[in-house]
Amino acid sequence: MAVSTEQIKELREETGAGIMDCRNALEQSGGDMEKALEYLREKGLSKVAKKSDRETSEGMIELYSHGEGRVGVMVEVNCETDFVARNDDFRELAHELALQIAASMPEWPTEADVSAELLDAEREDARAQAKEEGKPDDVIDKIVEGRVNKLLDEKVLMRQIYIRDGEKTVQDLVNEVIAKLGENISVRRFERWEMGEHSEDADEE
């Protein structure tokens, strides 16, 4: 079917995708805007997966202060080129990640950053507690993995629910920007400070 310029423009404004990608999505979906959005979303995720192994050695460090200086965040967000590091969409993403860290207090950037020892200890504790409560053996494994997933969902930045949109995770947000900018993006590290908190190092001294 014929696709109008207005439809292409609307879809492009909605997604940031290229003109040809928007035209193709609309043609594939018979002019249905929702189906075209889904088509581009799936195509974008496919592109994201192909970029996930690319090295990210450029980027920026975003600094954010919240609550009249009572909470401070520093996060290093990496990309592939200096060109993208200067892009407004990339810089906005870095700011949104800093906001997320300030509000949701993650402990690790990705699941890969969580030690196997910590997860094993969490599983053992959950299993022991389930047995103590008399849970049947056939549901204990589900209880254990449920508790581990709950920990990861709460404390891993990329698995957290995005504070501005309860329908997506932080990883979804990052994937959208990767698809839009065409480069791999990763969070290398972050720190969050809050007035009055005591560090373990300070307590040891």
N, C-alpha and C. Protein backbone atom coordinates (compact mmCIF):
# COMPACT_ATOMS: atom_id res chain seq x y z
N MET A 1 0.84 -1.20 0.00
CA MET A 1 0.00 0.00 0.00
C MET A 1 0.87 1.24 0.00
N ALA A 2 0.30 2.35 -0.49
CA ALA A 2 1.05 3.61 -0.52
C ALA A 2 1.12 4.20 0.89
N VAL A 3 2.30 4.69 1.23
CA VAL A 3 2.54 5.29 2.55
C VAL A 3 2.73 6.78 2.36
N SER A 4 2.02 7.58 3.16
CA SER A 4 2.10 9.03 2.99
C SER A 4 3.32 9.61 3.70
N THR A 5 3.71 10.78 3.21
CA THR A 5 4.83 11.50 3.83
C THR A 5 4.52 11.85 5.27
N GLU A 6 3.26 12.17 5.54
CA GLU A 6 2.84 12.53 6.90
C GLU A 6 3.02 11.36 7.86
N GLN A 7 2.67 10.14 7.39
CA GLN A 7 2.84 8.95 8.22
C GLN A 7 4.32 8.71 8.53
N ILE A 8 5.16 8.85 7.51
CA ILE A 8 6.60 8.66 7.71
C ILE A 8 7.15 9.68 8.70
N LYS A 9 6.71 10.92 8.54
CA LYS A 9 7.17 11.98 9.43
C LYS A 9 6.75 11.71 10.87
N GLU A 10 5.50 11.28 11.04
CA GLU A 10 4.98 11.00 12.38
C GLU A 10 5.76 9.87 13.04
N LEU A 11 6.02 8.80 12.28
CA LEU A 11 6.74 7.66 12.83
C LEU A 11 8.19 8.03 13.14
N ARG A 12 8.77 8.86 12.29
CA ARG A 12 10.16 9.27 12.50
C ARG A 12 10.27 10.13 13.76
N GLU A 13 9.30 11.02 13.97
CA GLU A 13 9.32 11.86 15.16
C GLU A 13 9.12 11.02 16.43
N GLU A 14 8.35 9.97 16.29
CA GLU A 14 8.05 9.09 17.43
C GLU A 14 9.24 8.23 17.82
N THR A 15 10.02 7.78 16.82
CA THR A 15 11.08 6.79 17.08
C THR A 15 12.50 7.29 16.86
N GLY A 16 12.66 8.33 16.03
CA GLY A 16 14.01 8.77 15.70
C GLY A 16 14.67 7.90 14.63
N ALA A 17 13.92 6.95 14.07
CA ALA A 17 14.46 6.06 13.04
C ALA A 17 14.61 6.80 11.72
N GLY A 18 15.41 6.23 10.81
CA GLY A 18 15.64 6.85 9.51
C GLY A 18 14.40 6.81 8.63
N ILE A 19 14.39 7.66 7.61
CA ILE A 19 13.23 7.77 6.72
C ILE A 19 12.92 6.44 6.03
N MET A 20 13.96 5.77 5.50
CA MET A 20 13.74 4.52 4.80
C MET A 20 13.25 3.43 5.75
N ASP A 21 13.79 3.42 6.98
CA ASP A 21 13.33 2.44 7.97
C ASP A 21 11.86 2.67 8.30
N CYS A 22 11.47 3.94 8.44
CA CYS A 22 10.07 4.26 8.74
C CYS A 22 9.16 3.87 7.59
N ARG A 23 9.58 4.17 6.37
CA ARG A 23 8.77 3.82 5.20
C ARG A 23 8.59 2.30 5.13
N ASN A 24 9.69 1.57 5.31
CA ASN A 24 9.64 0.11 5.23
C ASN A 24 8.74 -0.47 6.33
N ALA A 25 8.85 0.09 7.55
CA ALA A 25 8.03 -0.39 8.66
C ALA A 25 6.55 -0.19 8.38
N LEU A 26 6.20 0.96 7.84
CA LEU A 26 4.80 1.25 7.52
C LEU A 26 4.29 0.36 6.40
N GLU A 27 5.13 0.12 5.42
CA GLU A 27 4.73 -0.75 4.31
C GLU A 27 4.54 -2.19 4.80
N GLN A 28 5.44 -2.63 5.68
CA GLN A 28 5.35 -3.99 6.22
C GLN A 28 4.11 -4.17 7.10
N SER A 29 3.69 -3.08 7.75
CA SER A 29 2.56 -3.16 8.69
C SER A 29 1.25 -2.70 8.08
N GLY A 30 1.24 -2.44 6.76
CA GLY A 30 0.01 -2.02 6.09
C GLY A 30 -0.47 -0.66 6.54
N GLY A 31 0.45 0.20 6.97
CA GLY A 31 0.08 1.54 7.39
C GLY A 31 -0.37 1.65 8.84
N ASP A 32 -0.36 0.54 9.56
CA ASP A 32 -0.77 0.54 10.98
C ASP A 32 0.38 1.08 11.83
N MET A 33 0.16 2.22 12.48
CA MET A 33 1.23 2.89 13.22
C MET A 33 1.75 2.04 14.37
N GLU A 34 0.84 1.39 15.12
CA GLU A 34 1.26 0.56 16.26
C GLU A 34 2.12 -0.62 15.80
N LYS A 35 1.70 -1.25 14.71
CA LYS A 35 2.47 -2.38 14.19
C LYS A 35 3.81 -1.90 13.65
N ALA A 36 3.84 -0.72 13.06
CA ALA A 36 5.09 -0.15 12.56
C ALA A 36 6.06 0.13 13.71
N LEU A 37 5.52 0.65 14.81
CA LEU A 37 6.34 0.89 16.00
C LEU A 37 6.94 -0.41 16.52
N GLU A 38 6.12 -1.45 16.57
CA GLU A 38 6.59 -2.76 17.05
C GLU A 38 7.66 -3.32 16.11
N TYR A 39 7.45 -3.14 14.82
CA TYR A 39 8.42 -3.61 13.82
C TYR A 39 9.77 -2.93 14.04
N LEU A 40 9.75 -1.63 14.21
CA LEU A 40 11.00 -0.88 14.43
C LEU A 40 11.64 -1.26 15.76
N ARG A 41 10.80 -1.51 16.77
CA ARG A 41 11.32 -1.89 18.08
C ARG A 41 12.06 -3.22 17.99
N GLU A 42 11.46 -4.18 17.31
CA GLU A 42 12.10 -5.48 17.16
C GLU A 42 13.37 -5.38 16.33
N LYS A 43 13.32 -4.58 15.29
CA LYS A 43 14.48 -4.40 14.43
C LYS A 43 15.60 -3.73 15.22
N GLY A 44 15.22 -2.76 16.05
CA GLY A 44 16.21 -2.05 16.87
C GLY A 44 16.88 -2.98 17.85
N LEU A 45 16.11 -3.86 18.50
CA LEU A 45 16.67 -4.80 19.46
C LEU A 45 17.61 -5.77 18.77
N SER A 46 17.30 -6.14 17.54
CA SER A 46 18.19 -7.03 16.79
C SER A 46 19.52 -6.34 16.53
N LYS A 47 19.45 -5.06 16.18
CA LYS A 47 20.68 -4.30 15.96
C LYS A 47 21.47 -4.15 17.25
N VAL A 48 20.75 -3.94 18.35
CA VAL A 48 21.41 -3.79 19.65
C VAL A 48 22.21 -5.04 19.99
N ALA A 49 21.61 -6.21 19.78
CA ALA A 49 22.28 -7.47 20.10
C ALA A 49 23.58 -7.61 19.30
N LYS A 50 23.57 -7.17 18.05
CA LYS A 50 24.76 -7.27 17.21
C LYS A 50 25.87 -6.32 17.68
N LYS A 51 25.50 -5.25 18.38
CA LYS A 51 26.48 -4.26 18.81
C LYS A 51 27.02 -4.53 20.22
N SER A 52 26.45 -5.50 20.92
CA SER A 52 26.74 -5.66 22.34
C SER A 52 28.19 -6.02 22.64
N ASP A 53 28.91 -6.61 21.67
CA ASP A 53 30.30 -7.00 21.91
C ASP A 53 31.30 -5.93 21.46
N ARG A 54 30.81 -4.85 20.91
CA ARG A 54 31.73 -3.80 20.46
C ARG A 54 32.36 -3.07 21.64
N GLU A 55 33.63 -2.70 21.49
CA GLU A 55 34.35 -2.03 22.56
C GLU A 55 33.83 -0.60 22.76
N THR A 56 33.68 -0.21 24.01
CA THR A 56 33.24 1.15 24.34
C THR A 56 34.35 1.83 25.14
N SER A 57 35.11 2.68 24.47
CA SER A 57 36.25 3.33 25.13
C SER A 57 36.11 4.84 25.20
N GLU A 58 35.03 5.39 24.61
CA GLU A 58 34.75 6.81 24.72
C GLU A 58 33.56 7.00 25.65
N GLY A 59 33.10 8.24 25.81
CA GLY A 59 31.94 8.47 26.64
C GLY A 59 32.07 9.70 27.51
N MET A 60 31.44 9.66 28.68
CA MET A 60 31.47 10.82 29.56
C MET A 60 31.22 10.39 31.00
N ILE A 61 31.59 11.26 31.91
CA ILE A 61 31.26 11.09 33.32
C ILE A 61 30.22 12.15 33.68
N GLU A 62 29.05 11.68 34.10
CA GLU A 62 27.96 12.58 34.46
C GLU A 62 27.94 12.76 35.98
N LEU A 63 27.85 14.01 36.40
CA LEU A 63 27.75 14.34 37.82
C LEU A 63 26.36 14.90 38.10
N TYR A 64 25.76 14.45 39.18
CA TYR A 64 24.40 14.89 39.50
C TYR A 64 24.26 15.08 41.00
N SER A 65 23.64 16.19 41.38
CA SER A 65 23.38 16.48 42.78
C SER A 65 21.88 16.63 42.99
N HIS A 66 21.36 16.02 44.05
CA HIS A 66 19.92 15.98 44.29
C HIS A 66 19.62 16.39 45.73
N GLY A 67 18.42 16.92 45.93
CA GLY A 67 17.99 17.26 47.29
C GLY A 67 18.84 18.33 47.93
N GLU A 68 19.12 19.40 47.19
CA GLU A 68 19.93 20.52 47.68
C GLU A 68 21.29 20.04 48.18
N GLY A 69 21.86 19.11 47.40
CA GLY A 69 23.21 18.66 47.69
C GLY A 69 23.30 17.52 48.69
N ARG A 70 22.19 16.92 49.07
CA ARG A 70 22.24 15.83 50.05
C ARG A 70 22.57 14.47 49.43
N VAL A 71 22.32 14.36 48.13
CA VAL A 71 22.66 13.13 47.41
C VAL A 71 23.49 13.51 46.19
N GLY A 72 24.60 12.80 45.99
CA GLY A 72 25.45 13.04 44.83
C GLY A 72 25.71 11.76 44.07
N VAL A 73 25.76 11.85 42.75
CA VAL A 73 26.00 10.67 41.91
C VAL A 73 27.06 11.00 40.87
N MET A 74 27.94 10.05 40.64
CA MET A 74 28.90 10.14 39.53
C MET A 74 28.82 8.82 38.77
N VAL A 75 28.55 8.89 37.47
CA VAL A 75 28.41 7.68 36.66
C VAL A 75 29.21 7.82 35.37
N GLU A 76 29.96 6.77 35.03
CA GLU A 76 30.70 6.74 33.77
C GLU A 76 29.91 5.93 32.75
N VAL A 77 29.52 6.61 31.67
CA VAL A 77 28.77 5.97 30.59
C VAL A 77 29.65 5.96 29.35
N ASN A 78 29.82 4.79 28.76
CA ASN A 78 30.74 4.65 27.63
C ASN A 78 30.02 4.37 26.32
N CYS A 79 30.65 4.82 25.23
CA CYS A 79 30.18 4.55 23.87
C CYS A 79 31.40 4.25 23.00
N GLU A 80 31.20 4.12 21.71
CA GLU A 80 32.29 3.72 20.83
C GLU A 80 33.12 4.87 20.30
N THR A 81 32.50 6.02 20.06
CA THR A 81 33.22 7.14 19.43
C THR A 81 32.99 8.45 20.18
N ASP A 82 33.95 9.35 20.02
CA ASP A 82 33.83 10.67 20.62
C ASP A 82 32.67 11.45 20.01
N PHE A 83 32.36 11.15 18.75
CA PHE A 83 31.25 11.82 18.07
C PHE A 83 29.94 11.57 18.82
N VAL A 84 29.67 10.31 19.15
CA VAL A 84 28.45 9.98 19.88
C VAL A 84 28.52 10.50 21.31
N ALA A 85 29.71 10.52 21.90
CA ALA A 85 29.86 11.03 23.27
C ALA A 85 29.41 12.48 23.38
N ARG A 86 29.47 13.23 22.28
CA ARG A 86 29.06 14.63 22.29
C ARG A 86 27.60 14.80 21.86
N ASN A 87 26.94 13.69 21.51
CA ASN A 87 25.56 13.76 21.03
C ASN A 87 24.60 14.07 22.18
N ASP A 88 23.60 14.89 21.89
CA ASP A 88 22.64 15.28 22.94
C ASP A 88 21.86 14.09 23.50
N ASP A 89 21.50 13.14 22.65
CA ASP A 89 20.75 11.96 23.11
C ASP A 89 21.60 11.12 24.07
N PHE A 90 22.89 10.99 23.76
CA PHE A 90 23.78 10.24 24.63
C PHE A 90 23.93 10.95 25.97
N ARG A 91 24.10 12.26 25.93
CA ARG A 91 24.26 13.03 27.17
C ARG A 91 22.98 13.02 28.01
N GLU A 92 21.85 13.03 27.34
CA GLU A 92 20.58 12.94 28.07
C GLU A 92 20.44 11.58 28.74
N LEU A 93 20.88 10.54 28.04
CA LEU A 93 20.86 9.20 28.64
C LEU A 93 21.73 9.15 29.89
N ALA A 94 22.93 9.72 29.82
CA ALA A 94 23.82 9.73 30.98
C ALA A 94 23.16 10.44 32.16
N HIS A 95 22.48 11.54 31.86
CA HIS A 95 21.77 12.28 32.92
C HIS A 95 20.64 11.44 33.51
N GLU A 96 19.88 10.76 32.66
CA GLU A 96 18.78 9.92 33.14
C GLU A 96 19.31 8.77 34.00
N LEU A 97 20.46 8.22 33.64
CA LEU A 97 21.05 7.15 34.44
C LEU A 97 21.48 7.66 35.80
N ALA A 98 22.01 8.89 35.85
CA ALA A 98 22.39 9.48 37.13
C ALA A 98 21.15 9.70 38.01
N LEU A 99 20.07 10.16 37.41
CA LEU A 99 18.81 10.34 38.15
C LEU A 99 18.33 9.00 38.71
N GLN A 100 18.41 7.96 37.88
CA GLN A 100 17.99 6.63 38.29
C GLN A 100 18.80 6.15 39.50
N ILE A 101 20.09 6.35 39.43
CA ILE A 101 20.97 5.91 40.51
C ILE A 101 20.67 6.68 41.80
N ALA A 102 20.44 7.97 41.67
CA ALA A 102 20.11 8.78 42.85
C ALA A 102 18.83 8.31 43.50
N ALA A 103 17.82 7.98 42.69
CA ALA A 103 16.50 7.64 43.21
C ALA A 103 16.39 6.20 43.67
N SER A 104 17.03 5.27 42.95
CA SER A 104 16.77 3.84 43.17
C SER A 104 17.91 3.08 43.84
N MET A 105 19.03 3.73 44.07
CA MET A 105 20.15 3.18 44.83
C MET A 105 20.61 1.78 44.40
N PRO A 106 20.92 1.59 43.12
CA PRO A 106 21.46 0.29 42.71
C PRO A 106 22.86 0.09 43.30
N GLU A 107 23.31 -1.15 43.29
CA GLU A 107 24.65 -1.45 43.80
C GLU A 107 25.62 -1.85 42.70
N TRP A 108 25.08 -2.39 41.60
CA TRP A 108 25.94 -2.85 40.51
C TRP A 108 25.37 -2.37 39.17
N PRO A 109 26.24 -2.11 38.18
CA PRO A 109 25.75 -1.69 36.85
C PRO A 109 24.99 -2.81 36.13
N THR A 110 25.58 -4.00 36.06
CA THR A 110 24.96 -5.11 35.34
C THR A 110 24.99 -6.37 36.19
N GLU A 111 24.26 -7.37 35.76
CA GLU A 111 24.23 -8.64 36.48
C GLU A 111 25.61 -9.29 36.51
N ALA A 112 26.40 -9.06 35.46
CA ALA A 112 27.75 -9.63 35.39
C ALA A 112 28.66 -9.07 36.48
N ASP A 113 28.31 -7.93 37.04
CA ASP A 113 29.13 -7.30 38.08
C ASP A 113 28.85 -7.86 39.47
N VAL A 114 27.82 -8.69 39.61
CA VAL A 114 27.47 -9.28 40.89
C VAL A 114 28.31 -10.55 41.09
N SER A 115 28.96 -10.67 42.24
CA SER A 115 29.83 -11.82 42.47
C SER A 115 29.02 -13.11 42.61
N ALA A 116 29.60 -14.19 42.08
CA ALA A 116 28.95 -15.50 42.18
C ALA A 116 28.83 -15.92 43.65
N GLU A 117 29.82 -15.53 44.46
CA GLU A 117 29.80 -15.88 45.88
C GLU A 117 28.60 -15.26 46.58
N LEU A 118 28.30 -14.01 46.26
CA LEU A 118 27.16 -13.34 46.88
C LEU A 118 25.85 -14.02 46.48
N LEU A 119 25.72 -14.37 45.20
CA LEU A 119 24.50 -15.02 44.74
C LEU A 119 24.34 -16.41 45.36
N ASP A 120 25.46 -17.13 45.49
CA ASP A 120 25.41 -18.45 46.12
C ASP A 120 24.97 -18.33 47.58
N ALA A 121 25.50 -17.32 48.27
CA ALA A 121 25.12 -17.11 49.67
C ALA A 121 23.64 -16.77 49.79
N GLU A 122 23.15 -15.97 48.85
CA GLU A 122 21.73 -15.59 48.85
C GLU A 122 20.85 -16.83 48.62
N ARG A 123 21.29 -17.70 47.72
CA ARG A 123 20.53 -18.92 47.44
C ARG A 123 20.51 -19.84 48.66
N GLU A 124 21.67 -20.00 49.30
CA GLU A 124 21.75 -20.87 50.48
C GLU A 124 20.85 -20.35 51.60
N ASP A 125 20.88 -19.03 51.80
CA ASP A 125 20.05 -18.44 52.85
C ASP A 125 18.57 -18.61 52.55
N ALA A 126 18.19 -18.41 51.29
CA ALA A 126 16.79 -18.56 50.90
C ALA A 126 16.34 -20.01 51.03
N ARG A 127 17.21 -20.94 50.66
CA ARG A 127 16.87 -22.35 50.75
C ARG A 127 16.68 -22.77 52.21
N ALA A 128 17.61 -22.32 53.07
CA ALA A 128 17.52 -22.66 54.49
C ALA A 128 16.25 -22.10 55.11
N GLN A 129 15.92 -20.87 54.76
CA GLN A 129 14.72 -20.24 55.30
C GLN A 129 13.46 -20.96 54.83
N ALA A 130 13.43 -21.36 53.56
CA ALA A 130 12.27 -22.05 53.01
C ALA A 130 12.08 -23.40 53.70
N LYS A 131 13.17 -24.11 53.95
CA LYS A 131 13.09 -25.40 54.63
C LYS A 131 12.61 -25.22 56.07
N GLU A 132 13.13 -24.17 56.72
CA GLU A 132 12.74 -23.90 58.10
C GLU A 132 11.24 -23.59 58.19
N GLU A 133 10.70 -22.97 57.15
CA GLU A 133 9.27 -22.63 57.13
C GLU A 133 8.41 -23.82 56.69
N GLY A 134 9.08 -24.95 56.39
CA GLY A 134 8.33 -26.14 56.02
C GLY A 134 7.80 -26.15 54.61
N LYS A 135 8.41 -25.38 53.73
CA LYS A 135 7.96 -25.36 52.34
C LYS A 135 8.24 -26.71 51.68
N PRO A 136 7.35 -27.21 50.82
CA PRO A 136 7.58 -28.48 50.14
C PRO A 136 8.78 -28.40 49.18
N ASP A 137 9.46 -29.53 49.02
CA ASP A 137 10.67 -29.56 48.19
C ASP A 137 10.43 -29.12 46.76
N ASP A 138 9.24 -29.41 46.23
CA ASP A 138 8.99 -29.11 44.82
C ASP A 138 8.81 -27.62 44.54
N VAL A 139 8.72 -26.79 45.58
CA VAL A 139 8.59 -25.34 45.34
C VAL A 139 9.79 -24.56 45.88
N ILE A 140 10.68 -25.25 46.60
CA ILE A 140 11.82 -24.55 47.20
C ILE A 140 12.71 -23.90 46.13
N ASP A 141 12.98 -24.64 45.04
CA ASP A 141 13.83 -24.08 43.97
C ASP A 141 13.24 -22.81 43.40
N LYS A 142 11.92 -22.80 43.21
CA LYS A 142 11.25 -21.59 42.68
C LYS A 142 11.36 -20.44 43.67
N ILE A 143 11.23 -20.74 44.95
CA ILE A 143 11.36 -19.71 45.98
C ILE A 143 12.77 -19.12 45.98
N VAL A 144 13.76 -20.00 45.87
CA VAL A 144 15.17 -19.57 45.88
C VAL A 144 15.46 -18.65 44.70
N GLU A 145 15.09 -19.09 43.49
CA GLU A 145 15.37 -18.28 42.30
C GLU A 145 14.54 -16.99 42.31
N GLY A 146 13.35 -17.06 42.88
CA GLY A 146 12.54 -15.85 42.99
C GLY A 146 13.20 -14.81 43.87
N ARG A 147 13.81 -15.27 44.97
CA ARG A 147 14.49 -14.33 45.85
C ARG A 147 15.74 -13.74 45.20
N VAL A 148 16.48 -14.57 44.47
CA VAL A 148 17.67 -14.07 43.77
C VAL A 148 17.27 -13.05 42.71
N ASN A 149 16.23 -13.35 41.94
CA ASN A 149 15.77 -12.42 40.90
C ASN A 149 15.28 -11.11 41.50
N LYS A 150 14.64 -11.20 42.66
CA LYS A 150 14.18 -9.99 43.34
C LYS A 150 15.37 -9.11 43.73
N LEU A 151 16.42 -9.74 44.24
CA LEU A 151 17.64 -8.99 44.59
C LEU A 151 18.23 -8.32 43.35
N LEU A 152 18.34 -9.07 42.26
CA LEU A 152 18.92 -8.51 41.03
C LEU A 152 18.06 -7.39 40.46
N ASP A 153 16.73 -7.58 40.48
CA ASP A 153 15.83 -6.55 39.96
C ASP A 153 15.92 -5.25 40.77
N GLU A 154 16.17 -5.38 42.06
CA GLU A 154 16.23 -4.20 42.92
C GLU A 154 17.59 -3.51 42.90
N LYS A 155 18.68 -4.30 42.77
CA LYS A 155 20.02 -3.75 43.00
C LYS A 155 20.91 -3.66 41.77
N VAL A 156 20.51 -4.26 40.65
CA VAL A 156 21.28 -4.14 39.41
C VAL A 156 20.68 -3.03 38.57
N LEU A 157 21.46 -2.03 38.25
CA LEU A 157 20.96 -0.85 37.54
C LEU A 157 20.19 -1.22 36.28
N MET A 158 20.77 -2.06 35.43
CA MET A 158 20.15 -2.37 34.15
C MET A 158 18.85 -3.15 34.29
N ARG A 159 18.63 -3.80 35.43
CA ARG A 159 17.41 -4.58 35.63
C ARG A 159 16.33 -3.80 36.36
N GLN A 160 16.69 -2.62 36.87
CA GLN A 160 15.69 -1.84 37.60
C GLN A 160 14.61 -1.30 36.66
N ILE A 161 13.42 -1.07 37.22
CA ILE A 161 12.37 -0.39 36.47
C ILE A 161 12.75 1.08 36.34
N TYR A 162 12.66 1.58 35.12
CA TYR A 162 12.99 2.98 34.84
C TYR A 162 12.04 3.90 35.60
N ILE A 163 12.59 4.86 36.34
CA ILE A 163 11.76 5.69 37.23
C ILE A 163 10.75 6.54 36.48
N ARG A 164 10.97 6.82 35.21
CA ARG A 164 10.03 7.66 34.45
C ARG A 164 8.99 6.85 33.67
N ASP A 165 9.17 5.53 33.63
CA ASP A 165 8.27 4.70 32.83
C ASP A 165 8.23 3.29 33.41
N GLY A 166 7.18 2.98 34.12
CA GLY A 166 7.06 1.68 34.77
C GLY A 166 6.92 0.51 33.82
N GLU A 167 6.80 0.79 32.52
CA GLU A 167 6.64 -0.27 31.54
C GLU A 167 7.98 -0.72 30.96
N LYS A 168 9.08 -0.07 31.34
CA LYS A 168 10.37 -0.46 30.78
C LYS A 168 11.45 -0.50 31.86
N THR A 169 12.48 -1.27 31.59
CA THR A 169 13.64 -1.32 32.49
C THR A 169 14.68 -0.30 32.02
N VAL A 170 15.70 -0.12 32.85
CA VAL A 170 16.80 0.76 32.45
C VAL A 170 17.50 0.21 31.22
N GLN A 171 17.61 -1.12 31.14
CA GLN A 171 18.22 -1.73 29.95
C GLN A 171 17.41 -1.40 28.70
N ASP A 172 16.10 -1.41 28.82
CA ASP A 172 15.25 -1.03 27.68
C ASP A 172 15.56 0.40 27.23
N LEU A 173 15.72 1.29 28.21
CA LEU A 173 16.04 2.69 27.91
C LEU A 173 17.37 2.78 27.16
N VAL A 174 18.38 2.09 27.66
CA VAL A 174 19.69 2.10 27.01
C VAL A 174 19.60 1.50 25.62
N ASN A 175 18.86 0.41 25.48
CA ASN A 175 18.71 -0.23 24.16
C ASN A 175 18.09 0.72 23.14
N GLU A 176 17.14 1.52 23.57
CA GLU A 176 16.49 2.47 22.66
C GLU A 176 17.51 3.48 22.13
N VAL A 177 18.40 3.93 22.99
CA VAL A 177 19.41 4.92 22.57
C VAL A 177 20.46 4.24 21.69
N ILE A 178 20.82 2.99 22.01
CA ILE A 178 21.75 2.24 21.15
C ILE A 178 21.18 2.11 19.74
N ALA A 179 19.90 1.74 19.67
CA ALA A 179 19.26 1.57 18.36
C ALA A 179 19.21 2.89 17.60
N LYS A 180 19.00 3.98 18.32
CA LYS A 180 18.89 5.29 17.69
C LYS A 180 20.23 5.81 17.20
N LEU A 181 21.28 5.63 18.02
CA LEU A 181 22.59 6.21 17.69
C LEU A 181 23.49 5.26 16.92
N GLY A 182 23.17 3.96 16.94
CA GLY A 182 23.94 3.01 16.15
C GLY A 182 25.27 2.61 16.76
N GLU A 183 25.45 2.83 18.05
CA GLU A 183 26.67 2.43 18.74
C GLU A 183 26.34 1.69 20.03
N ASN A 184 27.27 0.81 20.43
CA ASN A 184 27.12 0.15 21.71
C ASN A 184 27.30 1.18 22.83
N ILE A 185 26.54 1.02 23.90
CA ILE A 185 26.62 1.92 25.06
C ILE A 185 26.64 1.04 26.31
N SER A 186 27.51 1.38 27.25
CA SER A 186 27.59 0.61 28.49
C SER A 186 27.84 1.54 29.67
N VAL A 187 27.46 1.07 30.85
CA VAL A 187 27.76 1.78 32.09
C VAL A 187 28.92 1.05 32.75
N ARG A 188 30.04 1.72 32.87
CA ARG A 188 31.22 1.07 33.42
C ARG A 188 31.20 1.03 34.94
N ARG A 189 30.83 2.15 35.56
CA ARG A 189 30.85 2.23 37.02
C ARG A 189 30.07 3.44 37.48
N PHE A 190 29.71 3.44 38.75
CA PHE A 190 29.06 4.61 39.33
C PHE A 190 29.29 4.61 40.84
N GLU A 191 29.10 5.79 41.42
CA GLU A 191 29.15 5.95 42.87
C GLU A 191 27.97 6.83 43.28
N ARG A 192 27.42 6.53 44.44
CA ARG A 192 26.32 7.33 44.99
C ARG A 192 26.66 7.67 46.44
N TRP A 193 26.56 8.95 46.77
CA TRP A 193 26.84 9.39 48.13
C TRP A 193 25.61 10.08 48.70
N GLU A 194 25.41 9.92 50.00
CA GLU A 194 24.31 10.59 50.67
C GLU A 194 24.81 11.17 51.99
N MET A 195 24.42 12.39 52.26
CA MET A 195 24.85 13.06 53.49
C MET A 195 24.53 12.21 54.71
N GLY A 196 25.52 12.08 55.59
CA GLY A 196 25.30 11.38 56.85
C GLY A 196 25.57 9.90 56.83
N GLU A 197 25.76 9.30 55.62
CA GLU A 197 26.02 7.87 55.58
C GLU A 197 27.48 7.61 55.93
N HIS A 198 27.75 6.43 56.49
CA HIS A 198 29.11 6.05 56.88
C HIS A 198 29.60 4.95 55.96
N SER A 199 30.80 5.13 55.43
CA SER A 199 31.38 4.10 54.57
C SER A 199 32.01 3.02 55.42
N GLU A 200 32.14 1.81 54.86
CA GLU A 200 32.76 0.71 55.59
C GLU A 200 34.23 1.01 55.86
N ASP A 201 34.87 1.71 54.91
CA ASP A 201 36.28 2.06 55.10
C ASP A 201 36.47 2.96 56.30
N ALA A 202 35.53 3.94 56.44
CA ALA A 202 35.64 4.88 57.53
C ALA A 202 35.42 4.16 58.86
N ASP A 203 34.47 3.20 58.89
CA ASP A 203 34.20 2.46 60.12
C ASP A 203 35.39 1.62 60.53
N GLU A 204 36.10 1.04 59.51
CA GLU A 204 37.25 0.21 59.81
C GLU A 204 38.38 1.02 60.39
N GLU A 205 38.50 2.29 59.98
CA GLU A 205 39.56 3.15 60.51
C GLU A 205 39.25 3.55 61.95
